[in-house]
Every structure is written in structure tokens, then in C-alpha cells.
Amino acid sequence: QCEFFNTRISHPRLEEAISDMLPLLTPHSESNLIFVVGATGVGKSALCRFALKTLYREMATRTDIGESVIPIVSIEAATNGESRHTFRGIYEDLLSELDEPCLDKKQFVISDGENIRIKPARRTSIADLRKSLESALQCRRTEVCVIDEAYHLLRLAKDTAVLDTLKSLANTTGSKIVLVGSYDLFDLASSHAQVARRASIIHFDRYHCESPDDRKAFRSVVRSLMGKWPCEEVPSLVAIADDLMEINLGCVGL
């Protein structure tokens, strides 16, 4: 049953989105911010897993990938119940994914030109974490950073401040930043014209009930899912595929 729960079915909408996404993740692309948007439950997280696996397989064939290199990292921007949201949690999660050593024991040097003092780890600021993250991304030679449920970033600061922060992080490290979320991300993408010029938006669309081709594709997904059913008795869900499509609003993830 666990294997069935983790089943992911490839389908035309997914393959189209992957083909749009992969070229944007190469060093040759000018886009340093990539937005992946779609309806809730359409399968955006599955899209990123498929795309990143494909990209990692391509990266693994390169001779410059050593044991210390972490070319891709992925986190989820979940809320933690705090009343005041900052980038601290995002930076800490990324550093954790990068296997940053002794993160809670780092001591940062402060210099005013004449005097040097050591800041205790318990007083590590967000700016200190940002410097650590920049260094880690460069040392690990990370090319892609994925932030799922990225609409939570809208709670951290104003739209322009969030985009400026992510843009500067991408510029200083050379890493592509992929933001995955619902249509709320359109507000983030469109709020800053200068940043939007260097960003790309991938729309992962749902299937539409009024399209015969979409109904056929959705029925094929249901049929593939039945092929992996974990019980001896398999329900005939293909017979009600159209009803399932309407109930789930054409979202394969649902």
C-alpha cells in the first residue's frame, strides 16, 4: 500500500511541463527565477520530482560531479506557527539540505576595521545565515534550488522584498531558484517588473472536461493507476473516469 501511495503516473500535461522546465534549469538559460504554478492538486510536486530526477541523471554523467557536490536541493516553505515570519527558516532548511556542518555551532567574525570580535552561535542573525548559505551553494556547486509551497513566502515580507532577496541570492551564487505553488505566485511574479524580465513562468494546467482529448488522457491515467492497485480485487474506476475527472476538476494529483 505504501508503494501504491507513492505511485506517480506520467501523462501528457506532465510531459509537456517537464519539456518546458528542463531547458530553463541549464546554465545556458538566462532565467534565474522559475515559477511553476497551477491549481491545487494538479501535480506540481510530482512534476518537480520527475524533472529533477531527469536533470540529476543528466548531471551524473558529467566528470566534474564529485562527492562533495550537491547539484540540486529541494525544500518546502511550510509555516511553523510563528506570528513573525522571516527568511531564517528558509535559509536553515536549505543549509540542512546542503549538509552544512556544525550549523548550530558556527561563530561569525565581526570587524569594524580596527577590532575583531566573535559573535556567539546563539546570536546568529539572518544576515549571517545568508552568508553561510551563499558560501554553501558555491562550495557545493548547487545549480538548482527548489522551494515547494512557495506561496508561503508571501508571508515573509512584501512581494518586492521577497523577489529582491531571491534574485540577489540567485545572482550571487549562480543557482537557479524554482518556486512551486498555486496561482498566488502570479502576484509575486508580476509585482516587480525588473525581476519578472529575468524570470520564467511554467503553467502546469489541469485537464478540462469539455475537451475530448483531455478526457481520453485522464482516462488513461486512471487505467495506469489501476494497473498498480495493491489489492487482488481491482475496482473498475475506468468505467467512471469521466465522473472522477469532474469531481477532481481535471487535476491528476487529486
Foldseek 3Di string as FASTA:
>chain_A
DVVLVPDDDDFDLLVVLLVVPQVCLDLVHLAQEEEEAEAPLQCQVVSVVVNVVVVVVVVVPDPPQDPLADAEEEDEPDDDPDPAAACQVVLVRLCVRSVPPPLQADWDWDDPPPDIDIHGSVPQDPVNSLVVSLVSCQRNVHAEYEYEQQLVVVRNDPLVVSLVVSVVSCVSRVHRYYYYHYPSCVCSLPVDVVSVVSYYYRYSYFQALVDPVLLVRQLVLVVVSQVVDPDPDGDPCSVVSSVVCVVVVRRSSD
